[in-house]
């Protein structure tokens, strides 16, 4: 079973937890950016990361770039999620494998995540 780590604000975490568990994924959720420092122990197959995480010193783009650098020899896809208008630019700049613009369509999100994980 594929494991998805989601780092976002609390309200979105509940929604994503339900969506991805119903789709058959093992889901780990966190509303703390520091969780990214424990990716090796969590062992996700994919990381979904908000660009703005409440209380974080770093942006999702910065955390994405750190994950990509740290795991450059492993295939660990990162997908950014945000309501930012320039999300595609931020995703490209940090090396993300994709992005989800808020507001989002649940079917589109599931299709995109399934495609990346396959």
PDB file of N, CA and C in Angstrom:
ATOM      1  N   UNK A   1       0.842  -1.180   0.000  1.00  0.00           N
ATOM      2  CA  UNK A   1       0.000   0.000   0.000  1.00  0.00           C
ATOM      3  C   UNK A   1       0.890   1.248   0.000  1.00  0.00           C
ATOM      4  N   UNK A   2       0.614   2.141  -0.924  1.00  0.00           N
ATOM      5  CA  UNK A   2       1.409   3.369  -1.046  1.00  0.00           C
ATOM      6  C   UNK A   2       1.091   4.322   0.111  1.00  0.00           C
ATOM      7  N   UNK A   3       2.136   4.983   0.608  1.00  0.00           N
ATOM      8  CA  UNK A   3       1.988   5.919   1.725  1.00  0.00           C
ATOM      9  C   UNK A   3       2.139   7.347   1.226  1.00  0.00           C
ATOM     10  N   UNK A   4       1.192   8.196   1.610  1.00  0.00           N
ATOM     11  CA  UNK A   4       1.211   9.608   1.253  1.00  0.00           C
ATOM     12  C   UNK A   4       1.368  10.429   2.521  1.00  0.00           C
ATOM     13  N   UNK A   5       2.371  11.304   2.534  1.00  0.00           N
ATOM     14  CA  UNK A   5       2.556  12.260   3.626  1.00  0.00           C
ATOM     15  C   UNK A   5       1.966  13.587   3.177  1.00  0.00           C
ATOM     16  N   UNK A   6       1.048  14.128   3.977  1.00  0.00           N
ATOM     17  CA  UNK A   6       0.421  15.403   3.647  1.00  0.00           C
ATOM     18  C   UNK A   6       0.753  16.408   4.746  1.00  0.00           C
ATOM     19  N   UNK A   7       1.373  17.521   4.343  1.00  0.00           N
ATOM     20  CA  UNK A   7       1.707  18.602   5.284  1.00  0.00           C
ATOM     21  C   UNK A   7       0.922  19.824   4.843  1.00  0.00           C
ATOM     22  N   UNK A   8      -0.062  20.191   5.647  1.00  0.00           N
ATOM     23  CA  UNK A   8      -0.968  21.277   5.278  1.00  0.00           C
ATOM     24  C   UNK A   8      -1.652  21.771   6.547  1.00  0.00           C
ATOM     25  N   UNK A   9      -2.569  22.711   6.382  1.00  0.00           N
ATOM     26  CA  UNK A   9      -3.338  23.203   7.515  1.00  0.00           C
ATOM     27  C   UNK A   9      -4.422  22.188   7.881  1.00  0.00           C
ATOM     28  N   UNK A  10      -4.849  22.248   9.143  1.00  0.00           N
ATOM     29  CA  UNK A  10      -5.747  21.251   9.726  1.00  0.00           C
ATOM     30  C   UNK A  10      -7.004  20.967   8.898  1.00  0.00           C
ATOM     31  N   UNK A  11      -7.686  21.998   8.390  1.00  0.00           N
ATOM     32  CA  UNK A  11      -8.950  21.790   7.674  1.00  0.00           C
ATOM     33  C   UNK A  11      -8.776  20.940   6.419  1.00  0.00           C
ATOM     34  N   UNK A  12      -7.733  21.192   5.670  1.00  0.00           N
ATOM     35  CA  UNK A  12      -7.461  20.431   4.448  1.00  0.00           C
ATOM     36  C   UNK A  12      -6.999  19.010   4.788  1.00  0.00           C
ATOM     37  N   UNK A  13      -6.275  18.853   5.878  1.00  0.00           N
ATOM     38  CA  UNK A  13      -5.769  17.536   6.260  1.00  0.00           C
ATOM     39  C   UNK A  13      -6.909  16.538   6.446  1.00  0.00           C
ATOM     40  N   UNK A  14      -7.977  16.958   7.094  1.00  0.00           N
ATOM     41  CA  UNK A  14      -9.106  16.059   7.334  1.00  0.00           C
ATOM     42  C   UNK A  14      -9.719  15.605   6.012  1.00  0.00           C
ATOM     43  N   UNK A  15      -9.879  16.539   5.095  1.00  0.00           N
ATOM     44  CA  UNK A  15     -10.458  16.222   3.783  1.00  0.00           C
ATOM     45  C   UNK A  15      -9.562  15.241   3.034  1.00  0.00           C
ATOM     46  N   UNK A  16      -8.279  15.561   2.936  1.00  0.00           N
ATOM     47  CA  UNK A  16      -7.347  14.695   2.210  1.00  0.00           C
ATOM     48  C   UNK A  16      -7.219  13.328   2.867  1.00  0.00           C
ATOM     49  N   UNK A  17      -7.229  13.281   4.184  1.00  0.00           N
ATOM     50  CA  UNK A  17      -7.135  12.008   4.895  1.00  0.00           C
ATOM     51  C   UNK A  17      -8.270  11.086   4.455  1.00  0.00           C
ATOM     52  N   UNK A  18      -9.489  11.600   4.422  1.00  0.00           N
ATOM     53  CA  UNK A  18     -10.652  10.812   4.010  1.00  0.00           C
ATOM     54  C   UNK A  18     -10.537  10.408   2.534  1.00  0.00           C
ATOM     55  N   UNK A  19     -10.231  11.375   1.668  1.00  0.00           N
ATOM     56  CA  UNK A  19     -10.148  11.118   0.224  1.00  0.00           C
ATOM     57  C   UNK A  19      -9.147   9.998  -0.081  1.00  0.00           C
ATOM     58  N   UNK A  20      -7.940  10.131   0.465  1.00  0.00           N
ATOM     59  CA  UNK A  20      -6.885   9.183   0.113  1.00  0.00           C
ATOM     60  C   UNK A  20      -7.039   7.839   0.821  1.00  0.00           C
ATOM     61  N   UNK A  21      -7.556   7.825   2.044  1.00  0.00           N
ATOM     62  CA  UNK A  21      -7.824   6.537   2.696  1.00  0.00           C
ATOM     63  C   UNK A  21      -8.902   5.769   1.940  1.00  0.00           C
ATOM     64  N   UNK A  22      -9.959   6.473   1.516  1.00  0.00           N
ATOM     65  CA  UNK A  22     -11.020   5.830   0.740  1.00  0.00           C
ATOM     66  C   UNK A  22     -10.486   5.279  -0.582  1.00  0.00           C
ATOM     67  N   UNK A  23      -9.445   5.912  -1.128  1.00  0.00           N
ATOM     68  CA  UNK A  23      -8.843   5.455  -2.383  1.00  0.00           C
ATOM     69  C   UNK A  23      -7.823   4.336  -2.161  1.00  0.00           C
ATOM     70  N   UNK A  24      -7.620   3.949  -0.887  1.00  0.00           N
ATOM     71  CA  UNK A  24      -6.753   2.810  -0.599  1.00  0.00           C
ATOM     72  C   UNK A  24      -5.310   3.141  -0.269  1.00  0.00           C
ATOM     73  N   UNK A  25      -5.034   4.400   0.054  1.00  0.00           N
ATOM     74  CA  UNK A  25      -3.673   4.792   0.413  1.00  0.00           C
ATOM     75  C   UNK A  25      -3.490   4.811   1.925  1.00  0.00           C
ATOM     76  N   UNK A  26      -2.252   4.592   2.355  1.00  0.00           N
ATOM     77  CA  UNK A  26      -1.865   4.771   3.751  1.00  0.00           C
ATOM     78  C   UNK A  26      -1.520   6.249   3.883  1.00  0.00           C
ATOM     79  N   UNK A  27      -2.203   6.968   4.752  1.00  0.00           N
ATOM     80  CA  UNK A  27      -2.058   8.413   4.831  1.00  0.00           C
ATOM     81  C   UNK A  27      -1.443   8.834   6.166  1.00  0.00           C
ATOM     82  N   UNK A  28      -0.431   9.691   6.087  1.00  0.00           N
ATOM     83  CA  UNK A  28       0.165  10.303   7.276  1.00  0.00           C
ATOM     84  C   UNK A  28      -0.042  11.803   7.115  1.00  0.00           C
ATOM     85  N   UNK A  29      -0.694  12.441   8.094  1.00  0.00           N
ATOM     86  CA  UNK A  29      -0.973  13.869   7.992  1.00  0.00           C
ATOM     87  C   UNK A  29      -0.257  14.640   9.097  1.00  0.00           C
ATOM     88  N   UNK A  30       0.106  15.872   8.765  1.00  0.00           N
ATOM     89  CA  UNK A  30       0.767  16.739   9.740  1.00  0.00           C
ATOM     90  C   UNK A  30       0.487  18.191   9.385  1.00  0.00           C
ATOM     91  N   UNK A  31       0.356  19.023  10.423  1.00  0.00           N
ATOM     92  CA  UNK A  31       0.216  20.455  10.176  1.00  0.00           C
ATOM     93  C   UNK A  31       1.466  21.199  10.632  1.00  0.00           C
ATOM     94  N   UNK A  32       2.602  20.479  10.704  1.00  0.00           N
ATOM     95  CA  UNK A  32       3.883  21.077  11.106  1.00  0.00           C
ATOM     96  C   UNK A  32       4.925  20.867  10.009  1.00  0.00           C
ATOM     97  N   UNK A  33       5.570  21.932   9.583  1.00  0.00           N
ATOM     98  CA  UNK A  33       6.587  21.805   8.536  1.00  0.00           C
ATOM     99  C   UNK A  33       7.782  20.975   8.997  1.00  0.00           C
ATOM    100  N   UNK A  34       7.999  20.905  10.317  1.00  0.00           N
ATOM    101  CA  UNK A  34       9.137  20.137  10.844  1.00  0.00           C
ATOM    102  C   UNK A  34       9.014  18.648  10.502  1.00  0.00           C
ATOM    103  N   UNK A  35       7.807  18.210  10.198  1.00  0.00           N
ATOM    104  CA  UNK A  35       7.593  16.811   9.823  1.00  0.00           C
ATOM    105  C   UNK A  35       8.464  16.441   8.634  1.00  0.00           C
ATOM    106  N   UNK A  36       8.736  17.391   7.755  1.00  0.00           N
ATOM    107  CA  UNK A  36       9.565  17.130   6.575  1.00  0.00           C
ATOM    108  C   UNK A  36      10.968  16.660   6.966  1.00  0.00           C
ATOM    109  N   UNK A  37      11.406  17.031   8.163  1.00  0.00           N
ATOM    110  CA  UNK A  37      12.729  16.610   8.629  1.00  0.00           C
ATOM    111  C   UNK A  37      12.741  15.138   9.038  1.00  0.00           C
ATOM    112  N   UNK A  38      11.571  14.513   9.113  1.00  0.00           N
ATOM    113  CA  UNK A  38      11.464  13.117   9.549  1.00  0.00           C
ATOM    114  C   UNK A  38      10.974  12.199   8.423  1.00  0.00           C
ATOM    115  N   UNK A  39      11.134  12.656   7.191  1.00  0.00           N
ATOM    116  CA  UNK A  39      10.664  11.879   6.041  1.00  0.00           C
ATOM    117  C   UNK A  39      11.320  10.508   6.000  1.00  0.00           C
ATOM    118  N   UNK A  40      12.584  10.429   6.340  1.00  0.00           N
ATOM    119  CA  UNK A  40      13.287   9.144   6.285  1.00  0.00           C
ATOM    120  C   UNK A  40      12.598   8.110   7.174  1.00  0.00           C
ATOM    121  N   UNK A  41      12.135   8.530   8.370  1.00  0.00           N
ATOM    122  CA  UNK A  41      11.449   7.599   9.282  1.00  0.00           C
ATOM    123  C   UNK A  41      10.026   7.300   8.808  1.00  0.00           C
ATOM    124  N   UNK A  42       9.351   8.290   8.220  1.00  0.00           N
ATOM    125  CA  UNK A  42       7.959   8.113   7.782  1.00  0.00           C
ATOM    126  C   UNK A  42       7.895   7.228   6.546  1.00  0.00           C
ATOM    127  N   UNK A  43       8.853   7.400   5.648  1.00  0.00           N
ATOM    128  CA  UNK A  43       8.943   6.573   4.444  1.00  0.00           C
ATOM    129  C   UNK A  43       7.789   6.723   3.469  1.00  0.00           C
ATOM    130  N   UNK A  44       7.419   7.956   3.120  1.00  0.00           N
ATOM    131  CA  UNK A  44       6.309   8.117   2.178  1.00  0.00           C
ATOM    132  C   UNK A  44       6.723   7.793   0.740  1.00  0.00           C
ATOM    133  N   UNK A  45       5.721   7.466  -0.074  1.00  0.00           N
ATOM    134  CA  UNK A  45       5.925   7.279  -1.508  1.00  0.00           C
ATOM    135  C   UNK A  45       5.658   8.578  -2.253  1.00  0.00           C
ATOM    136  N   UNK A  46       5.016   9.544  -1.559  1.00  0.00           N
ATOM    137  CA  UNK A  46       4.663  10.830  -2.137  1.00  0.00           C
ATOM    138  C   UNK A  46       4.440  11.819  -1.005  1.00  0.00           C
ATOM    139  N   UNK A  47       4.836  13.078  -1.234  1.00  0.00           N
ATOM    140  CA  UNK A  47       4.601  14.140  -0.261  1.00  0.00           C
ATOM    141  C   UNK A  47       3.719  15.198  -0.916  1.00  0.00           C
ATOM    142  N   UNK A  48       2.635  15.557  -0.229  1.00  0.00           N
ATOM    143  CA  UNK A  48       1.789  16.676  -0.647  1.00  0.00           C
ATOM    144  C   UNK A  48       2.041  17.785   0.360  1.00  0.00           C
ATOM    145  N   UNK A  49       2.392  18.959  -0.142  1.00  0.00           N
ATOM    146  CA  UNK A  49       2.912  20.019   0.705  1.00  0.00           C
ATOM    147  C   UNK A  49       2.268  21.354   0.372  1.00  0.00           C
ATOM    148  N   UNK A  50       1.698  22.001   1.386  1.00  0.00           N
ATOM    149  CA  UNK A  50       1.122  23.333   1.183  1.00  0.00           C
ATOM    150  C   UNK A  50       2.253  24.348   1.053  1.00  0.00           C
ATOM    151  N   UNK A  51       2.034  25.391   0.269  1.00  0.00           N
ATOM    152  CA  UNK A  51       3.051  26.435   0.123  1.00  0.00           C
ATOM    153  C   UNK A  51       3.130  27.298   1.374  1.00  0.00           C
ATOM    154  N   UNK A  52       1.979  27.555   1.996  1.00  0.00           N
ATOM    155  CA  UNK A  52       1.954  28.345   3.237  1.00  0.00           C
ATOM    156  C   UNK A  52       1.462  27.471   4.378  1.00  0.00           C
ATOM    157  N   UNK A  53       2.360  27.171   5.308  1.00  0.00           N
ATOM    158  CA  UNK A  53       2.015  26.355   6.463  1.00  0.00           C
ATOM    159  C   UNK A  53       2.033  27.254   7.696  1.00  0.00           C
ATOM    160  N   UNK A  54       0.900  27.338   8.363  1.00  0.00           N
ATOM    161  CA  UNK A  54       0.760  28.200   9.529  1.00  0.00           C
ATOM    162  C   UNK A  54       1.846  27.904  10.563  1.00  0.00           C
ATOM    163  N   UNK A  55       2.539  28.951  11.001  1.00  0.00           N
ATOM    164  CA  UNK A  55       3.557  28.811  12.035  1.00  0.00           C
ATOM    165  C   UNK A  55       4.911  28.328  11.546  1.00  0.00           C
ATOM    166  N   UNK A  56       5.069  28.154  10.243  1.00  0.00           N
ATOM    167  CA  UNK A  56       6.332  27.655   9.710  1.00  0.00           C
ATOM    168  C   UNK A  56       7.250  28.808   9.320  1.00  0.00           C
ATOM    169  N   UNK A  57       8.548  28.617   9.571  1.00  0.00           N
ATOM    170  CA  UNK A  57       9.550  29.604   9.157  1.00  0.00           C
ATOM    171  C   UNK A  57       9.849  29.491   7.664  1.00  0.00           C
ATOM    172  N   UNK A  58       9.534  28.341   7.078  1.00  0.00           N
ATOM    173  CA  UNK A  58       9.860  28.087   5.672  1.00  0.00           C
ATOM    174  C   UNK A  58       8.579  27.980   4.855  1.00  0.00           C
ATOM    175  N   UNK A  59       8.699  28.300   3.578  1.00  0.00           N
ATOM    176  CA  UNK A  59       7.573  28.100   2.667  1.00  0.00           C
ATOM    177  C   UNK A  59       7.594  26.652   2.178  1.00  0.00           C
ATOM    178  N   UNK A  60       6.472  26.222   1.630  1.00  0.00           N
ATOM    179  CA  UNK A  60       6.422  24.892   1.045  1.00  0.00           C
ATOM    180  C   UNK A  60       7.422  24.738  -0.092  1.00  0.00           C
ATOM    181  N   UNK A  61       7.640  25.826  -0.838  1.00  0.00           N
ATOM    182  CA  UNK A  61       8.625  25.789  -1.910  1.00  0.00           C
ATOM    183  C   UNK A  61      10.031  25.521  -1.389  1.00  0.00           C
ATOM    184  N   UNK A  62      10.380  26.167  -0.274  1.00  0.00           N
ATOM    185  CA  UNK A  62      11.699  25.936   0.333  1.00  0.00           C
ATOM    186  C   UNK A  62      11.825  24.498   0.840  1.00  0.00           C
ATOM    187  N   UNK A  63      10.766  24.002   1.481  1.00  0.00           N
ATOM    188  CA  UNK A  63      10.786  22.636   2.003  1.00  0.00           C
ATOM    189  C   UNK A  63      10.865  21.635   0.848  1.00  0.00           C
ATOM    190  N   UNK A  64      10.127  21.908  -0.222  1.00  0.00           N
ATOM    191  CA  UNK A  64      10.172  21.050  -1.415  1.00  0.00           C
ATOM    192  C   UNK A  64      11.601  20.967  -1.960  1.00  0.00           C
ATOM    193  N   UNK A  65      12.251  22.110  -2.101  1.00  0.00           N
ATOM    194  CA  UNK A  65      13.627  22.139  -2.619  1.00  0.00           C
ATOM    195  C   UNK A  65      14.564  21.338  -1.711  1.00  0.00           C
ATOM    196  N   UNK A  66      14.363  21.445  -0.388  1.00  0.00           N
ATOM    197  CA  UNK A  66      15.198  20.682   0.562  1.00  0.00           C
ATOM    198  C   UNK A  66      14.962  19.182   0.413  1.00  0.00           C
ATOM    199  N   UNK A  67      13.696  18.782   0.275  1.00  0.00           N
ATOM    200  CA  UNK A  67      13.374  17.361   0.092  1.00  0.00           C
ATOM    201  C   UNK A  67      14.012  16.843  -1.195  1.00  0.00           C
ATOM    202  N   UNK A  68      13.884  17.612  -2.274  1.00  0.00           N
ATOM    203  CA  UNK A  68      14.444  17.195  -3.562  1.00  0.00           C
ATOM    204  C   UNK A  68      15.963  17.070  -3.495  1.00  0.00           C
ATOM    205  N   UNK A  69      16.613  17.957  -2.762  1.00  0.00           N
ATOM    206  CA  UNK A  69      18.070  17.895  -2.612  1.00  0.00           C
ATOM    207  C   UNK A  69      18.467  16.693  -1.755  1.00  0.00           C
ATOM    208  N   UNK A  70      17.786  16.524  -0.636  1.00  0.00           N
ATOM    209  CA  UNK A  70      18.123  15.463   0.311  1.00  0.00           C
ATOM    210  C   UNK A  70      17.866  14.065  -0.262  1.00  0.00           C
ATOM    211  N   UNK A  71      16.822  13.937  -1.072  1.00  0.00           N
ATOM    212  CA  UNK A  71      16.439  12.631  -1.619  1.00  0.00           C
ATOM    213  C   UNK A  71      16.639  12.571  -3.132  1.00  0.00           C
ATOM    214  N   UNK A  72      17.673  13.265  -3.627  1.00  0.00           N
ATOM    215  CA  UNK A  72      17.865  13.351  -5.074  1.00  0.00           C
ATOM    216  C   UNK A  72      18.158  12.000  -5.719  1.00  0.00           C
ATOM    217  N   UNK A  73      18.664  11.044  -4.955  1.00  0.00           N
ATOM    218  CA  UNK A  73      18.946   9.726  -5.519  1.00  0.00           C
ATOM    219  C   UNK A  73      17.781   8.753  -5.347  1.00  0.00           C
ATOM    220  N   UNK A  74      16.740   9.194  -4.659  1.00  0.00           N
ATOM    221  CA  UNK A  74      15.543   8.372  -4.474  1.00  0.00           C
ATOM    222  C   UNK A  74      14.405   9.024  -5.249  1.00  0.00           C
ATOM    223  N   UNK A  75      13.474   8.236  -5.694  1.00  0.00           N
ATOM    224  CA  UNK A  75      12.326   8.803  -6.396  1.00  0.00           C
ATOM    225  C   UNK A  75      11.255   9.119  -5.355  1.00  0.00           C
ATOM    226  N   UNK A  76      11.261  10.360  -4.860  1.00  0.00           N
ATOM    227  CA  UNK A  76      10.263  10.797  -3.884  1.00  0.00           C
ATOM    228  C   UNK A  76       9.524  11.998  -4.470  1.00  0.00           C
ATOM    229  N   UNK A  77       8.370  11.754  -5.094  1.00  0.00           N
ATOM    230  CA  UNK A  77       7.627  12.857  -5.688  1.00  0.00           C
ATOM    231  C   UNK A  77       7.062  13.802  -4.632  1.00  0.00           C
ATOM    232  N   UNK A  78       7.075  15.091  -4.971  1.00  0.00           N
ATOM    233  CA  UNK A  78       6.499  16.129  -4.118  1.00  0.00           C
ATOM    234  C   UNK A  78       5.475  16.895  -4.959  1.00  0.00           C
ATOM    235  N   UNK A  79       4.285  17.072  -4.400  1.00  0.00           N
ATOM    236  CA  UNK A  79       3.227  17.834  -5.054  1.00  0.00           C
ATOM    237  C   UNK A  79       2.873  19.004  -4.149  1.00  0.00           C
ATOM    238  N   UNK A  80       2.947  20.211  -4.698  1.00  0.00           N
ATOM    239  CA  UNK A  80       2.579  21.403  -3.931  1.00  0.00           C
ATOM    240  C   UNK A  80       1.084  21.658  -4.059  1.00  0.00           C
ATOM    241  N   UNK A  81       0.509  22.234  -3.007  1.00  0.00           N
ATOM    242  CA  UNK A  81      -0.897  22.625  -3.043  1.00  0.00           C
ATOM    243  C   UNK A  81      -1.006  24.047  -2.515  1.00  0.00           C
ATOM    244  N   UNK A  82      -1.806  24.867  -3.189  1.00  0.00           N
ATOM    245  CA  UNK A  82      -1.922  26.256  -2.753  1.00  0.00           C
ATOM    246  C   UNK A  82      -2.994  26.997  -3.532  1.00  0.00           C
ATOM    247  N   UNK A  83      -3.408  28.097  -2.953  1.00  0.00           N
ATOM    248  CA  UNK A  83      -4.278  29.025  -3.641  1.00  0.00           C
ATOM    249  C   UNK A  83      -3.490  30.146  -4.292  1.00  0.00           C
ATOM    250  N   UNK A  84      -2.159  30.083  -4.196  1.00  0.00           N
ATOM    251  CA  UNK A  84      -1.292  31.107  -4.798  1.00  0.00           C
ATOM    252  C   UNK A  84      -1.493  31.137  -6.316  1.00  0.00           C
ATOM    253  N   UNK A  85      -1.516  32.320  -6.886  1.00  0.00           N
ATOM    254  CA  UNK A  85      -1.725  32.432  -8.332  1.00  0.00           C
ATOM    255  C   UNK A  85      -0.522  31.950  -9.132  1.00  0.00           C
ATOM    256  N   UNK A  86       0.677  32.008  -8.537  1.00  0.00           N
ATOM    257  CA  UNK A  86       1.886  31.587  -9.256  1.00  0.00           C
ATOM    258  C   UNK A  86       2.366  30.199  -8.829  1.00  0.00           C
ATOM    259  N   UNK A  87       1.436  29.332  -8.435  1.00  0.00           N
ATOM    260  CA  UNK A  87       1.811  28.005  -7.948  1.00  0.00           C
ATOM    261  C   UNK A  87       2.596  27.207  -8.984  1.00  0.00           C
ATOM    262  N   UNK A  88       2.263  27.346 -10.270  1.00  0.00           N
ATOM    263  CA  UNK A  88       2.999  26.583 -11.285  1.00  0.00           C
ATOM    264  C   UNK A  88       4.463  27.019 -11.330  1.00  0.00           C
ATOM    265  N   UNK A  89       4.718  28.315 -11.192  1.00  0.00           N
ATOM    266  CA  UNK A  89       6.088  28.847 -11.173  1.00  0.00           C
ATOM    267  C   UNK A  89       6.835  28.358  -9.935  1.00  0.00           C
ATOM    268  N   UNK A  90       6.176  28.415  -8.776  1.00  0.00           N
ATOM    269  CA  UNK A  90       6.806  27.967  -7.523  1.00  0.00           C
ATOM    270  C   UNK A  90       7.134  26.475  -7.610  1.00  0.00           C
ATOM    271  N   UNK A  91       6.191  25.685  -8.135  1.00  0.00           N
ATOM    272  CA  UNK A  91       6.399  24.236  -8.258  1.00  0.00           C
ATOM    273  C   UNK A  91       7.584  23.926  -9.169  1.00  0.00           C
ATOM    274  N   UNK A  92       7.658  24.625 -10.282  1.00  0.00           N
ATOM    275  CA  UNK A  92       8.758  24.408 -11.231  1.00  0.00           C
ATOM    276  C   UNK A  92      10.096  24.803 -10.600  1.00  0.00           C
ATOM    277  N   UNK A  93      10.108  25.938  -9.913  1.00  0.00           N
ATOM    278  CA  UNK A  93      11.342  26.456  -9.316  1.00  0.00           C
ATOM    279  C   UNK A  93      11.924  25.517  -8.254  1.00  0.00           C
ATOM    280  N   UNK A  94      11.065  24.875  -7.460  1.00  0.00           N
ATOM    281  CA  UNK A  94      11.572  24.017  -6.380  1.00  0.00           C
ATOM    282  C   UNK A  94      11.726  22.557  -6.810  1.00  0.00           C
ATOM    283  N   UNK A  95      11.327  22.232  -8.045  1.00  0.00           N
ATOM    284  CA  UNK A  95      11.491  20.870  -8.536  1.00  0.00           C
ATOM    285  C   UNK A  95      10.341  19.938  -8.207  1.00  0.00           C
ATOM    286  N   UNK A  96       9.178  20.501  -7.853  1.00  0.00           N
ATOM    287  CA  UNK A  96       8.016  19.670  -7.529  1.00  0.00           C
ATOM    288  C   UNK A  96       7.594  18.848  -8.742  1.00  0.00           C
ATOM    289  N   UNK A  97       6.978  17.713  -8.472  1.00  0.00           N
ATOM    290  CA  UNK A  97       6.530  16.822  -9.535  1.00  0.00           C
ATOM    291  C   UNK A  97       5.134  17.183 -10.038  1.00  0.00           C
ATOM    292  N   UNK A  98       4.501  18.117  -9.354  1.00  0.00           N
ATOM    293  CA  UNK A  98       3.177  18.552  -9.750  1.00  0.00           C
ATOM    294  C   UNK A  98       2.649  19.557  -8.748  1.00  0.00           C
ATOM    295  N   UNK A  99       1.456  20.054  -9.033  1.00  0.00           N
ATOM    296  CA  UNK A  99       0.830  20.986  -8.099  1.00  0.00           C
ATOM    297  C   UNK A  99      -0.679  20.877  -8.184  1.00  0.00           C
ATOM    298  N   UNK A 100      -1.328  21.263  -7.106  1.00  0.00           N
ATOM    299  CA  UNK A 100      -2.780  21.272  -7.015  1.00  0.00           C
ATOM    300  C   UNK A 100      -3.176  22.688  -6.632  1.00  0.00           C
ATOM    301  N   UNK A 101      -3.967  23.326  -7.474  1.00  0.00           N
ATOM    302  CA  UNK A 101      -4.422  24.687  -7.195  1.00  0.00           C
ATOM    303  C   UNK A 101      -5.727  24.624  -6.400  1.00  0.00           C
ATOM    304  N   UNK A 102      -5.795  25.437  -5.336  1.00  0.00           N
ATOM    305  CA  UNK A 102      -7.042  25.566  -4.576  1.00  0.00           C
ATOM    306  C   UNK A 102      -7.884  26.659  -5.222  1.00  0.00           C
ATOM    307  N   UNK A 103      -9.193  26.511  -5.298  1.00  0.00           N
ATOM    308  CA  UNK A 103      -9.952  25.317  -4.911  1.00  0.00           C
ATOM    309  C   UNK A 103      -9.704  24.182  -5.913  1.00  0.00           C
ATOM    310  N   UNK A 104      -9.855  22.958  -5.446  1.00  0.00           N
ATOM    311  CA  UNK A 104      -9.530  21.817  -6.293  1.00  0.00           C
ATOM    312  C   UNK A 104     -10.723  20.890  -6.463  1.00  0.00           C
ATOM    313  N   UNK A 105     -10.669  20.097  -7.522  1.00  0.00           N
ATOM    314  CA  UNK A 105     -11.664  19.078  -7.807  1.00  0.00           C
ATOM    315  C   UNK A 105     -11.101  17.750  -7.296  1.00  0.00           C
ATOM    316  N   UNK A 106     -11.862  17.063  -6.443  1.00  0.00           N
ATOM    317  CA  UNK A 106     -11.375  15.837  -5.808  1.00  0.00           C
ATOM    318  C   UNK A 106     -10.977  14.777  -6.847  1.00  0.00           C
ATOM    319  N   UNK A 107     -11.776  14.589  -7.872  1.00  0.00           N
ATOM    320  CA  UNK A 107     -11.456  13.588  -8.908  1.00  0.00           C
ATOM    321  C   UNK A 107     -10.149  13.932  -9.621  1.00  0.00           C
ATOM    322  N   UNK A 108      -9.954  15.217  -9.905  1.00  0.00           N
ATOM    323  CA  UNK A 108      -8.712  15.654 -10.557  1.00  0.00           C
ATOM    324  C   UNK A 108      -7.509  15.380  -9.653  1.00  0.00           C
ATOM    325  N   UNK A 109      -7.658  15.657  -8.367  1.00  0.00           N
ATOM    326  CA  UNK A 109      -6.566  15.411  -7.411  1.00  0.00           C
ATOM    327  C   UNK A 109      -6.230  13.928  -7.376  1.00  0.00           C
ATOM    328  N   UNK A 110      -7.238  13.075  -7.265  1.00  0.00           N
ATOM    329  CA  UNK A 110      -6.991  11.630  -7.225  1.00  0.00           C
ATOM    330  C   UNK A 110      -6.337  11.127  -8.505  1.00  0.00           C
ATOM    331  N   UNK A 111      -6.786  11.630  -9.642  1.00  0.00           N
ATOM    332  CA  UNK A 111      -6.194  11.237 -10.920  1.00  0.00           C
ATOM    333  C   UNK A 111      -4.730  11.638 -10.987  1.00  0.00           C
ATOM    334  N   UNK A 112      -4.427  12.868 -10.579  1.00  0.00           N
ATOM    335  CA  UNK A 112      -3.055  13.361 -10.620  1.00  0.00           C
ATOM    336  C   UNK A 112      -2.149  12.562  -9.673  1.00  0.00           C
ATOM    337  N   UNK A 113      -2.612  12.314  -8.463  1.00  0.00           N
ATOM    338  CA  UNK A 113      -1.805  11.576  -7.479  1.00  0.00           C
ATOM    339  C   UNK A 113      -1.585  10.133  -7.941  1.00  0.00           C
ATOM    340  N   UNK A 114      -2.629   9.503  -8.449  1.00  0.00           N
ATOM    341  CA  UNK A 114      -2.497   8.119  -8.948  1.00  0.00           C
ATOM    342  C   UNK A 114      -1.496   8.045 -10.086  1.00  0.00           C
ATOM    343  N   UNK A 115      -1.547   9.030 -11.002  1.00  0.00           N
ATOM    344  CA  UNK A 115      -0.616   9.062 -12.140  1.00  0.00           C
ATOM    345  C   UNK A 115       0.826   9.201 -11.655  1.00  0.00           C
ATOM    346  N   UNK A 116       1.047  10.057 -10.681  1.00  0.00           N
ATOM    347  CA  UNK A 116       2.410  10.271 -10.174  1.00  0.00           C
ATOM    348  C   UNK A 116       2.924   9.028  -9.452  1.00  0.00           C
ATOM    349  N   UNK A 117       2.060   8.342  -8.724  1.00  0.00           N
ATOM    350  CA  UNK A 117       2.488   7.176  -7.968  1.00  0.00           C
ATOM    351  C   UNK A 117       2.669   5.917  -8.823  1.00  0.00           C
ATOM    352  N   UNK A 118       2.077   5.895 -10.012  1.00  0.00           N
ATOM    353  CA  UNK A 118       2.186   4.692 -10.862  1.00  0.00           C
ATOM    354  C   UNK A 118       3.484   4.584 -11.586  1.00  0.00           C
TER     355      UNK A 118
END
